[in-house]
All heavy atoms as atom14 arrays in JSON, in Angstrom:
{
  "sequence": "WLIPIESRFVHTFGSLHKTALTFAFINLPKTALLIVILIVTAVVLVF",
  "atom14_mask": [
    [1, 1, 1, 1, 1, 1, 1, 1, 1, 1, 1, 1, 1, 1],
    [1, 1, 1, 1, 1, 1, 1, 1, 0, 0, 0, 0, 0, 0],
    [1, 1, 1, 1, 1, 1, 1, 1, 0, 0, 0, 0, 0, 0],
    [1, 1, 1, 1, 1, 1, 1, 0, 0, 0, 0, 0, 0, 0],
    [1, 1, 1, 1, 1, 1, 1, 1, 0, 0, 0, 0, 0, 0],
    [1, 1, 1, 1, 1, 1, 1, 1, 1, 0, 0, 0, 0, 0],
    [1, 1, 1, 1, 1, 1, 0, 0, 0, 0, 0, 0, 0, 0],
    [1, 1, 1, 1, 1, 1, 1, 1, 1, 1, 1, 0, 0, 0],
    [1, 1, 1, 1, 1, 1, 1, 1, 1, 1, 1, 0, 0, 0],
    [1, 1, 1, 1, 1, 1, 1, 0, 0, 0, 0, 0, 0, 0],
    [1, 1, 1, 1, 1, 1, 1, 1, 1, 1, 0, 0, 0, 0],
    [1, 1, 1, 1, 1, 1, 1, 0, 0, 0, 0, 0, 0, 0],
    [1, 1, 1, 1, 1, 1, 1, 1, 1, 1, 1, 0, 0, 0],
    [1, 1, 1, 1, 0, 0, 0, 0, 0, 0, 0, 0, 0, 0],
    [1, 1, 1, 1, 1, 1, 0, 0, 0, 0, 0, 0, 0, 0],
    [1, 1, 1, 1, 1, 1, 1, 1, 0, 0, 0, 0, 0, 0],
    [1, 1, 1, 1, 1, 1, 1, 1, 1, 1, 0, 0, 0, 0],
    [1, 1, 1, 1, 1, 1, 1, 1, 1, 0, 0, 0, 0, 0],
    [1, 1, 1, 1, 1, 1, 1, 0, 0, 0, 0, 0, 0, 0],
    [1, 1, 1, 1, 1, 0, 0, 0, 0, 0, 0, 0, 0, 0],
    [1, 1, 1, 1, 1, 1, 1, 1, 0, 0, 0, 0, 0, 0],
    [1, 1, 1, 1, 1, 1, 1, 0, 0, 0, 0, 0, 0, 0],
    [1, 1, 1, 1, 1, 1, 1, 1, 1, 1, 1, 0, 0, 0],
    [1, 1, 1, 1, 1, 0, 0, 0, 0, 0, 0, 0, 0, 0],
    [1, 1, 1, 1, 1, 1, 1, 1, 1, 1, 1, 0, 0, 0],
    [1, 1, 1, 1, 1, 1, 1, 1, 0, 0, 0, 0, 0, 0],
    [1, 1, 1, 1, 1, 1, 1, 1, 0, 0, 0, 0, 0, 0],
    [1, 1, 1, 1, 1, 1, 1, 1, 0, 0, 0, 0, 0, 0],
    [1, 1, 1, 1, 1, 1, 1, 0, 0, 0, 0, 0, 0, 0],
    [1, 1, 1, 1, 1, 1, 1, 1, 1, 0, 0, 0, 0, 0],
    [1, 1, 1, 1, 1, 1, 1, 0, 0, 0, 0, 0, 0, 0],
    [1, 1, 1, 1, 1, 0, 0, 0, 0, 0, 0, 0, 0, 0],
    [1, 1, 1, 1, 1, 1, 1, 1, 0, 0, 0, 0, 0, 0],
    [1, 1, 1, 1, 1, 1, 1, 1, 0, 0, 0, 0, 0, 0],
    [1, 1, 1, 1, 1, 1, 1, 1, 0, 0, 0, 0, 0, 0],
    [1, 1, 1, 1, 1, 1, 1, 0, 0, 0, 0, 0, 0, 0],
    [1, 1, 1, 1, 1, 1, 1, 1, 0, 0, 0, 0, 0, 0],
    [1, 1, 1, 1, 1, 1, 1, 1, 0, 0, 0, 0, 0, 0],
    [1, 1, 1, 1, 1, 1, 1, 1, 0, 0, 0, 0, 0, 0],
    [1, 1, 1, 1, 1, 1, 1, 0, 0, 0, 0, 0, 0, 0],
    [1, 1, 1, 1, 1, 1, 1, 0, 0, 0, 0, 0, 0, 0],
    [1, 1, 1, 1, 1, 0, 0, 0, 0, 0, 0, 0, 0, 0],
    [1, 1, 1, 1, 1, 1, 1, 0, 0, 0, 0, 0, 0, 0],
    [1, 1, 1, 1, 1, 1, 1, 0, 0, 0, 0, 0, 0, 0],
    [1, 1, 1, 1, 1, 1, 1, 1, 0, 0, 0, 0, 0, 0],
    [1, 1, 1, 1, 1, 1, 1, 0, 0, 0, 0, 0, 0, 0],
    [1, 1, 1, 1, 1, 1, 1, 1, 1, 1, 1, 0, 0, 0]
  ],
  "atom14_positions": [
    [[-0.02, -1.05, -0.29], [-0.63, -2.27, 0.19], [0.15, -3.47, -0.22], [0.15, -4.54, 0.42], [-2.05, -2.38, -0.39], [-3.02, -1.49, 0.29], [-3.55, -0.32, -0.15], [-3.65, -1.65, 1.58], [-4.39, 0.2, 0.74], [-4.51, -0.6, 1.8], [-3.56, -2.74, 2.51], [-5.23, -0.48, 3.0], [-4.3, -2.61, 3.72], [-5.19, -1.54, 3.9]],
    [[0.82, -3.41, -1.41], [1.52, -4.52, -1.93], [2.6, -5.13, -0.98], [2.68, -6.32, -0.78], [2.17, -4.18, -3.28], [2.91, -5.27, -4.08], [2.57, -5.08, -5.56], [4.38, -5.16, -3.79], [0.0, 0.0, 0.0], [0.0, 0.0, 0.0], [0.0, 0.0, 0.0], [0.0, 0.0, 0.0], [0.0, 0.0, 0.0], [0.0, 0.0, 0.0]],
    [[3.37, -4.23, -0.42], [4.47, -4.61, 0.46], [3.96, -5.33, 1.74], [4.43, -6.4, 2.05], [5.4, -3.46, 0.81], [6.19, -3.01, -0.45], [6.29, -3.75, 1.94], [6.89, -1.67, -0.32], [0.0, 0.0, 0.0], [0.0, 0.0, 0.0], [0.0, 0.0, 0.0], [0.0, 0.0, 0.0], [0.0, 0.0, 0.0], [0.0, 0.0, 0.0]],
    [[2.97, -4.78, 2.46], [2.42, -5.54, 3.58], [1.82, -6.87, 3.25], [1.97, -7.84, 3.97], [1.38, -4.55, 4.22], [1.83, -3.17, 3.72], [2.42, -3.39, 2.39], [0.0, 0.0, 0.0], [0.0, 0.0, 0.0], [0.0, 0.0, 0.0], [0.0, 0.0, 0.0], [0.0, 0.0, 0.0], [0.0, 0.0, 0.0], [0.0, 0.0, 0.0]],
    [[1.07, -6.88, 2.09], [0.43, -8.12, 1.71], [1.49, -9.21, 1.42], [1.32, -10.36, 1.82], [-0.46, -7.87, 0.44], [-1.71, -6.98, 0.84], [-0.94, -9.18, -0.19], [-2.49, -6.51, -0.39], [0.0, 0.0, 0.0], [0.0, 0.0, 0.0], [0.0, 0.0, 0.0], [0.0, 0.0, 0.0], [0.0, 0.0, 0.0], [0.0, 0.0, 0.0]],
    [[2.55, -8.81, 0.7], [3.6, -9.75, 0.39], [4.25, -10.29, 1.6], [4.73, -11.5, 1.66], [4.6, -9.13, -0.55], [5.83, -9.9, -0.9], [5.52, -11.2, -1.7], [4.38, -11.25, -2.34], [6.36, -12.05, -1.77], [0.0, 0.0, 0.0], [0.0, 0.0, 0.0], [0.0, 0.0, 0.0], [0.0, 0.0, 0.0], [0.0, 0.0, 0.0]],
    [[4.36, -9.46, 2.66], [5.01, -9.85, 3.94], [4.13, -10.89, 4.69], [4.64, -11.56, 5.64], [5.23, -8.67, 4.84], [4.04, -8.19, 5.43], [0.0, 0.0, 0.0], [0.0, 0.0, 0.0], [0.0, 0.0, 0.0], [0.0, 0.0, 0.0], [0.0, 0.0, 0.0], [0.0, 0.0, 0.0], [0.0, 0.0, 0.0], [0.0, 0.0, 0.0]],
    [[2.85, -10.96, 4.41], [1.91, -11.75, 5.27], [1.27, -12.88, 4.5], [1.08, -13.92, 5.15], [0.83, -10.78, 5.83], [-0.07, -11.42, 6.8], [0.56, -11.7, 8.13], [1.29, -10.47, 8.61], [0.66, -9.55, 9.32], [-0.59, -9.62, 9.59], [1.4, -8.47, 9.71], [0.0, 0.0, 0.0], [0.0, 0.0, 0.0], [0.0, 0.0, 0.0]],
    [[0.97, -12.72, 3.22], [0.16, -13.77, 2.53], [0.94, -14.31, 1.34], [1.9, -13.63, 0.89], [-1.19, -13.16, 2.1], [-1.97, -12.54, 3.23], [-2.06, -11.14, 3.31], [-2.6, -13.36, 4.18], [-2.77, -10.58, 4.37], [-3.28, -12.75, 5.23], [-3.37, -11.36, 5.31], [0.0, 0.0, 0.0], [0.0, 0.0, 0.0], [0.0, 0.0, 0.0]],
    [[0.49, -15.42, 0.81], [1.1, -16.06, -0.31], [0.28, -15.86, -1.55], [-0.9, -16.18, -1.53], [1.32, -17.63, -0.1], [1.94, -18.22, -1.38], [2.17, -17.87, 1.08], [0.0, 0.0, 0.0], [0.0, 0.0, 0.0], [0.0, 0.0, 0.0], [0.0, 0.0, 0.0], [0.0, 0.0, 0.0], [0.0, 0.0, 0.0], [0.0, 0.0, 0.0]],
    [[0.87, -15.15, -2.56], [0.18, -14.9, -3.79], [1.1, -15.09, -4.98], [2.31, -14.96, -4.84], [-0.31, -13.41, -3.83], [-1.46, -13.14, -2.97], [-2.78, -13.44, -3.33], [-1.51, -12.62, -1.68], [-3.58, -13.09, -2.36], [-2.9, -12.49, -1.4], [0.0, 0.0, 0.0], [0.0, 0.0, 0.0], [0.0, 0.0, 0.0], [0.0, 0.0, 0.0]],
    [[0.56, -15.35, -6.13], [1.31, -15.33, -7.39], [1.6, -13.87, -7.7], [1.03, -12.97, -7.1], [0.59, -15.98, -8.53], [-0.67, -15.19, -8.77], [0.23, -17.43, -8.21], [0.0, 0.0, 0.0], [0.0, 0.0, 0.0], [0.0, 0.0, 0.0], [0.0, 0.0, 0.0], [0.0, 0.0, 0.0], [0.0, 0.0, 0.0], [0.0, 0.0, 0.0]],
    [[2.47, -13.61, -8.64], [2.86, -12.22, -8.98], [1.61, -11.46, -9.44], [1.41, -10.34, -8.92], [3.88, -12.34, -10.16], [4.44, -10.92, -10.45], [5.5, -10.43, -9.76], [3.93, -10.14, -11.54], [6.01, -9.19, -10.13], [4.41, -8.98, -11.84], [5.45, -8.45, -11.12], [0.0, 0.0, 0.0], [0.0, 0.0, 0.0], [0.0, 0.0, 0.0]],
    [[0.79, -12.03, -10.28], [-0.39, -11.32, -10.8], [-1.44, -11.13, -9.72], [-1.98, -10.05, -9.57], [0.0, 0.0, 0.0], [0.0, 0.0, 0.0], [0.0, 0.0, 0.0], [0.0, 0.0, 0.0], [0.0, 0.0, 0.0], [0.0, 0.0, 0.0], [0.0, 0.0, 0.0], [0.0, 0.0, 0.0], [0.0, 0.0, 0.0], [0.0, 0.0, 0.0]],
    [[-1.65, -12.15, -8.9], [-2.65, -12.12, -7.82], [-2.21, -11.12, -6.79], [-3.07, -10.46, -6.16], [-2.72, -13.53, -7.21], [-3.62, -13.5, -6.07], [0.0, 0.0, 0.0], [0.0, 0.0, 0.0], [0.0, 0.0, 0.0], [0.0, 0.0, 0.0], [0.0, 0.0, 0.0], [0.0, 0.0, 0.0], [0.0, 0.0, 0.0], [0.0, 0.0, 0.0]],
    [[-0.94, -11.0, -6.5], [-0.46, -10.0, -5.54], [-0.8, -8.63, -5.93], [-1.36, -7.85, -5.1], [1.11, -10.09, -5.45], [1.79, -9.02, -4.6], [1.37, -9.19, -3.11], [3.29, -9.19, -4.71], [0.0, 0.0, 0.0], [0.0, 0.0, 0.0], [0.0, 0.0, 0.0], [0.0, 0.0, 0.0], [0.0, 0.0, 0.0], [0.0, 0.0, 0.0]],
    [[-0.6, -8.24, -7.13], [-0.94, -6.9, -7.58], [-2.47, -6.68, -7.69], [-2.97, -5.63, -7.34], [-0.36, -6.66, -9.0], [1.13, -6.43, -8.91], [2.0, -7.46, -8.87], [1.91, -5.3, -8.99], [3.24, -7.04, -8.77], [3.19, -5.71, -8.85], [0.0, 0.0, 0.0], [0.0, 0.0, 0.0], [0.0, 0.0, 0.0], [0.0, 0.0, 0.0]],
    [[-3.21, -7.72, -8.1], [-4.68, -7.6, -8.1], [-5.22, -7.45, -6.68], [-6.14, -6.61, -6.49], [-5.27, -8.85, -8.76], [-6.74, -8.88, -8.87], [-7.3, -10.12, -9.48], [-8.8, -10.18, -9.59], [-9.32, -11.39, -10.18], [0.0, 0.0, 0.0], [0.0, 0.0, 0.0], [0.0, 0.0, 0.0], [0.0, 0.0, 0.0], [0.0, 0.0, 0.0]],
    [[-4.67, -8.17, -5.74], [-5.16, -8.1, -4.41], [-4.75, -6.71, -3.82], [-5.59, -6.05, -3.09], [-4.44, -9.15, -3.52], [-4.8, -10.44, -4.02], [-5.0, -9.11, -2.05], [0.0, 0.0, 0.0], [0.0, 0.0, 0.0], [0.0, 0.0, 0.0], [0.0, 0.0, 0.0], [0.0, 0.0, 0.0], [0.0, 0.0, 0.0], [0.0, 0.0, 0.0]],
    [[-3.61, -6.23, -4.06], [-3.18, -4.9, -3.64], [-4.06, -3.78, -4.15], [-4.53, -2.87, -3.49], [-1.77, -4.63, -3.99], [0.0, 0.0, 0.0], [0.0, 0.0, 0.0], [0.0, 0.0, 0.0], [0.0, 0.0, 0.0], [0.0, 0.0, 0.0], [0.0, 0.0, 0.0], [0.0, 0.0, 0.0], [0.0, 0.0, 0.0], [0.0, 0.0, 0.0]],
    [[-4.45, -3.92, -5.42], [-5.37, -2.95, -6.12], [-6.74, -3.06, -5.45], [-7.38, -2.02, -5.2], [-5.5, -3.24, -7.58], [-6.45, -2.35, -8.36], [-5.92, -0.87, -8.36], [-6.59, -2.86, -9.82], [0.0, 0.0, 0.0], [0.0, 0.0, 0.0], [0.0, 0.0, 0.0], [0.0, 0.0, 0.0], [0.0, 0.0, 0.0], [0.0, 0.0, 0.0]],
    [[-7.27, -4.19, -5.09], [-8.57, -4.4, -4.51], [-8.55, -3.8, -3.1], [-9.46, -3.05, -2.7], [-8.85, -5.94, -4.4], [-8.88, -6.54, -5.69], [-10.25, -6.09, -3.72], [0.0, 0.0, 0.0], [0.0, 0.0, 0.0], [0.0, 0.0, 0.0], [0.0, 0.0, 0.0], [0.0, 0.0, 0.0], [0.0, 0.0, 0.0], [0.0, 0.0, 0.0]],
    [[-7.48, -4.07, -2.32], [-7.38, -3.47, -0.99], [-7.34, -1.93, -1.03], [-7.97, -1.28, -0.23], [-6.07, -3.92, -0.35], [-6.22, -5.23, 0.43], [-6.73, -6.37, -0.17], [-5.84, -5.39, 1.74], [-6.89, -7.56, 0.51], [-5.95, -6.55, 2.43], [-6.48, -7.7, 1.84], [0.0, 0.0, 0.0], [0.0, 0.0, 0.0], [0.0, 0.0, 0.0]],
    [[-6.62, -1.43, -2.0], [-6.5, 0.04, -2.16], [-7.85, 0.74, -2.39], [-8.1, 1.8, -1.82], [-5.57, 0.38, -3.28], [0.0, 0.0, 0.0], [0.0, 0.0, 0.0], [0.0, 0.0, 0.0], [0.0, 0.0, 0.0], [0.0, 0.0, 0.0], [0.0, 0.0, 0.0], [0.0, 0.0, 0.0], [0.0, 0.0, 0.0], [0.0, 0.0, 0.0]],
    [[-8.74, 0.13, -3.2], [-10.01, 0.75, -3.52], [-11.07, 0.45, -2.55], [-11.89, 1.27, -2.21], [-10.44, 0.29, -4.95], [-9.82, 1.12, -6.07], [-8.7, 0.6, -6.73], [-10.17, 2.37, -6.33], [-8.03, 1.35, -7.77], [-9.58, 3.14, -7.34], [-8.48, 2.58, -8.01], [0.0, 0.0, 0.0], [0.0, 0.0, 0.0], [0.0, 0.0, 0.0]],
    [[-11.07, -0.78, -1.94], [-12.08, -1.08, -0.92], [-11.82, -0.31, 0.29], [-12.76, 0.09, 0.99], [-12.01, -2.67, -0.63], [-12.55, -3.4, -1.75], [-12.81, -2.91, 0.59], [-12.52, -4.94, -1.58], [0.0, 0.0, 0.0], [0.0, 0.0, 0.0], [0.0, 0.0, 0.0], [0.0, 0.0, 0.0], [0.0, 0.0, 0.0], [0.0, 0.0, 0.0]],
    [[-10.58, -0.01, 0.6], [-10.18, 0.74, 1.8], [-9.7, 2.09, 1.42], [-8.6, 2.52, 1.83], [-9.16, -0.07, 2.64], [-9.58, -1.38, 3.03], [-10.35, -1.61, 3.94], [-9.09, -2.36, 2.25], [0.0, 0.0, 0.0], [0.0, 0.0, 0.0], [0.0, 0.0, 0.0], [0.0, 0.0, 0.0], [0.0, 0.0, 0.0], [0.0, 0.0, 0.0]],
    [[-10.42, 2.84, 0.6], [-9.92, 4.07, 0.02], [-9.52, 5.11, 1.03], [-8.45, 5.7, 0.88], [-11.02, 4.65, -0.95], [-10.47, 5.65, -2.04], [-9.35, 5.07, -2.84], [-11.64, 6.01, -2.91], [0.0, 0.0, 0.0], [0.0, 0.0, 0.0], [0.0, 0.0, 0.0], [0.0, 0.0, 0.0], [0.0, 0.0, 0.0], [0.0, 0.0, 0.0]],
    [[-10.33, 5.34, 2.1], [-9.88, 6.35, 3.07], [-8.53, 5.93, 3.79], [-7.67, 6.8, 3.94], [-10.99, 6.36, 4.04], [-12.17, 5.92, 3.3], [-11.7, 4.86, 2.35], [0.0, 0.0, 0.0], [0.0, 0.0, 0.0], [0.0, 0.0, 0.0], [0.0, 0.0, 0.0], [0.0, 0.0, 0.0], [0.0, 0.0, 0.0], [0.0, 0.0, 0.0]],
    [[-8.39, 4.69, 4.11], [-7.16, 4.22, 4.69], [-5.98, 4.28, 3.67], [-4.85, 4.67, 4.08], [-7.31, 2.73, 5.19], [-8.14, 2.6, 6.42], [-8.11, 1.13, 6.88], [-8.87, 0.96, 8.24], [-10.25, 1.34, 8.19], [0.0, 0.0, 0.0], [0.0, 0.0, 0.0], [0.0, 0.0, 0.0], [0.0, 0.0, 0.0], [0.0, 0.0, 0.0]],
    [[-6.28, 4.04, 2.43], [-5.23, 4.15, 1.38], [-4.75, 5.59, 1.31], [-3.54, 5.83, 1.15], [-5.77, 3.7, 0.01], [-6.2, 2.38, 0.09], [-4.74, 3.8, -1.12], [0.0, 0.0, 0.0], [0.0, 0.0, 0.0], [0.0, 0.0, 0.0], [0.0, 0.0, 0.0], [0.0, 0.0, 0.0], [0.0, 0.0, 0.0], [0.0, 0.0, 0.0]],
    [[-5.71, 6.53, 1.31], [-5.34, 7.95, 1.34], [-4.39, 8.31, 2.51], [-3.42, 9.02, 2.34], [-6.64, 8.83, 1.25], [0.0, 0.0, 0.0], [0.0, 0.0, 0.0], [0.0, 0.0, 0.0], [0.0, 0.0, 0.0], [0.0, 0.0, 0.0], [0.0, 0.0, 0.0], [0.0, 0.0, 0.0], [0.0, 0.0, 0.0], [0.0, 0.0, 0.0]],
    [[-4.77, 7.85, 3.71], [-3.97, 8.09, 4.87], [-2.61, 7.43, 4.76], [-1.61, 8.11, 5.2], [-4.69, 7.55, 6.15], [-5.86, 8.48, 6.66], [-6.56, 7.74, 7.79], [-5.41, 9.82, 7.08], [0.0, 0.0, 0.0], [0.0, 0.0, 0.0], [0.0, 0.0, 0.0], [0.0, 0.0, 0.0], [0.0, 0.0, 0.0], [0.0, 0.0, 0.0]],
    [[-2.52, 6.26, 4.24], [-1.26, 5.56, 4.1], [-0.33, 6.38, 3.1], [0.85, 6.49, 3.33], [-1.41, 4.15, 3.54], [-2.1, 3.18, 4.46], [-2.47, 1.84, 3.75], [-1.17, 2.84, 5.69], [0.0, 0.0, 0.0], [0.0, 0.0, 0.0], [0.0, 0.0, 0.0], [0.0, 0.0, 0.0], [0.0, 0.0, 0.0], [0.0, 0.0, 0.0]],
    [[-0.92, 6.92, 1.97], [-0.15, 7.66, 1.07], [0.33, 9.04, 1.73], [1.46, 9.37, 1.57], [-1.0, 7.97, -0.2], [-1.24, 6.72, -0.95], [-0.31, 8.97, -1.06], [-2.24, 6.82, -2.12], [0.0, 0.0, 0.0], [0.0, 0.0, 0.0], [0.0, 0.0, 0.0], [0.0, 0.0, 0.0], [0.0, 0.0, 0.0], [0.0, 0.0, 0.0]],
    [[-0.54, 9.6, 2.52], [-0.17, 10.83, 3.25], [0.97, 10.65, 4.2], [1.95, 11.32, 4.23], [-1.42, 11.41, 3.94], [-0.93, 12.56, 4.93], [-2.41, 12.03, 2.97], [0.0, 0.0, 0.0], [0.0, 0.0, 0.0], [0.0, 0.0, 0.0], [0.0, 0.0, 0.0], [0.0, 0.0, 0.0], [0.0, 0.0, 0.0], [0.0, 0.0, 0.0]],
    [[0.87, 9.52, 4.93], [1.93, 9.14, 5.88], [3.29, 8.9, 5.13], [4.32, 9.44, 5.52], [1.61, 7.9, 6.66], [0.44, 8.15, 7.66], [2.83, 7.32, 7.46], [-0.13, 6.89, 8.26], [0.0, 0.0, 0.0], [0.0, 0.0, 0.0], [0.0, 0.0, 0.0], [0.0, 0.0, 0.0], [0.0, 0.0, 0.0], [0.0, 0.0, 0.0]],
    [[3.19, 8.24, 3.97], [4.39, 8.02, 3.16], [5.01, 9.29, 2.64], [6.2, 9.52, 2.75], [4.06, 7.1, 1.98], [5.18, 6.74, 1.02], [6.29, 6.0, 1.78], [4.64, 5.94, -0.15], [0.0, 0.0, 0.0], [0.0, 0.0, 0.0], [0.0, 0.0, 0.0], [0.0, 0.0, 0.0], [0.0, 0.0, 0.0], [0.0, 0.0, 0.0]],
    [[4.14, 10.26, 2.08], [4.62, 11.41, 1.49], [5.22, 12.35, 2.58], [6.29, 12.94, 2.37], [3.49, 12.12, 0.67], [3.16, 11.28, -0.51], [3.93, 13.56, 0.29], [1.93, 11.81, -1.28], [0.0, 0.0, 0.0], [0.0, 0.0, 0.0], [0.0, 0.0, 0.0], [0.0, 0.0, 0.0], [0.0, 0.0, 0.0], [0.0, 0.0, 0.0]],
    [[4.51, 12.46, 3.72], [4.98, 13.31, 4.74], [6.38, 12.86, 5.23], [7.33, 13.61, 5.5], [4.03, 13.37, 5.96], [4.63, 14.03, 7.14], [2.79, 14.14, 5.55], [0.0, 0.0, 0.0], [0.0, 0.0, 0.0], [0.0, 0.0, 0.0], [0.0, 0.0, 0.0], [0.0, 0.0, 0.0], [0.0, 0.0, 0.0], [0.0, 0.0, 0.0]],
    [[6.49, 11.51, 5.37], [7.81, 10.98, 5.8], [8.91, 11.28, 4.79], [9.98, 11.61, 5.21], [7.66, 9.42, 5.98], [6.64, 9.07, 6.91], [8.98, 8.81, 6.44], [0.0, 0.0, 0.0], [0.0, 0.0, 0.0], [0.0, 0.0, 0.0], [0.0, 0.0, 0.0], [0.0, 0.0, 0.0], [0.0, 0.0, 0.0], [0.0, 0.0, 0.0]],
    [[8.58, 11.09, 3.54], [9.58, 11.38, 2.48], [9.97, 12.88, 2.54], [11.2, 13.13, 2.39], [9.03, 10.98, 1.1], [0.0, 0.0, 0.0], [0.0, 0.0, 0.0], [0.0, 0.0, 0.0], [0.0, 0.0, 0.0], [0.0, 0.0, 0.0], [0.0, 0.0, 0.0], [0.0, 0.0, 0.0], [0.0, 0.0, 0.0], [0.0, 0.0, 0.0]],
    [[9.03, 13.74, 2.63], [9.32, 15.17, 2.69], [10.24, 15.52, 3.88], [11.23, 16.23, 3.78], [8.08, 15.97, 2.72], [8.38, 17.46, 2.91], [7.31, 15.86, 1.36], [0.0, 0.0, 0.0], [0.0, 0.0, 0.0], [0.0, 0.0, 0.0], [0.0, 0.0, 0.0], [0.0, 0.0, 0.0], [0.0, 0.0, 0.0], [0.0, 0.0, 0.0]],
    [[9.86, 14.95, 5.06], [10.67, 15.23, 6.27], [12.15, 14.7, 6.07], [13.08, 15.39, 6.44], [10.02, 14.57, 7.49], [11.0, 14.55, 8.71], [8.68, 15.23, 7.85], [0.0, 0.0, 0.0], [0.0, 0.0, 0.0], [0.0, 0.0, 0.0], [0.0, 0.0, 0.0], [0.0, 0.0, 0.0], [0.0, 0.0, 0.0], [0.0, 0.0, 0.0]],
    [[12.32, 13.57, 5.48], [13.63, 12.97, 5.29], [14.45, 13.79, 4.29], [15.65, 13.81, 4.35], [13.48, 11.52, 4.79], [13.04, 10.51, 5.8], [12.88, 9.07, 5.19], [13.95, 10.47, 7.02], [0.0, 0.0, 0.0], [0.0, 0.0, 0.0], [0.0, 0.0, 0.0], [0.0, 0.0, 0.0], [0.0, 0.0, 0.0], [0.0, 0.0, 0.0]],
    [[13.73, 14.43, 3.3], [14.49, 15.3, 2.29], [15.07, 16.42, 3.08], [16.24, 16.82, 2.83], [13.53, 15.76, 1.24], [14.15, 16.94, 0.39], [13.13, 14.62, 0.31], [0.0, 0.0, 0.0], [0.0, 0.0, 0.0], [0.0, 0.0, 0.0], [0.0, 0.0, 0.0], [0.0, 0.0, 0.0], [0.0, 0.0, 0.0], [0.0, 0.0, 0.0]],
    [[14.32, 17.05, 4.05], [14.87, 18.19, 4.73], [15.62, 17.89, 5.99], [16.54, 18.65, 6.46], [13.62, 19.11, 5.15], [12.97, 19.82, 3.97], [11.85, 19.31, 3.39], [13.61, 20.94, 3.45], [11.27, 19.91, 2.3], [13.01, 21.54, 2.3], [11.79, 21.07, 1.79], [0.0, 0.0, 0.0], [0.0, 0.0, 0.0], [0.0, 0.0, 0.0]]
  ]
}
C-alpha cells in the first residue's frame, strides 16, 4: 500500500507509514490479494 499511496498523495514520512498500515488492515481481503499477486509474480520471475 505504501508505494501506491506515495505515488498519489502527499504525506510526511511517519504519516505515510501510518496511512499504509491503516489501508492494509481496513482493506484486509484486498491486502491479502495484493500480497498473493506480488508473491506469485516473484515466484514466476525466479523460474
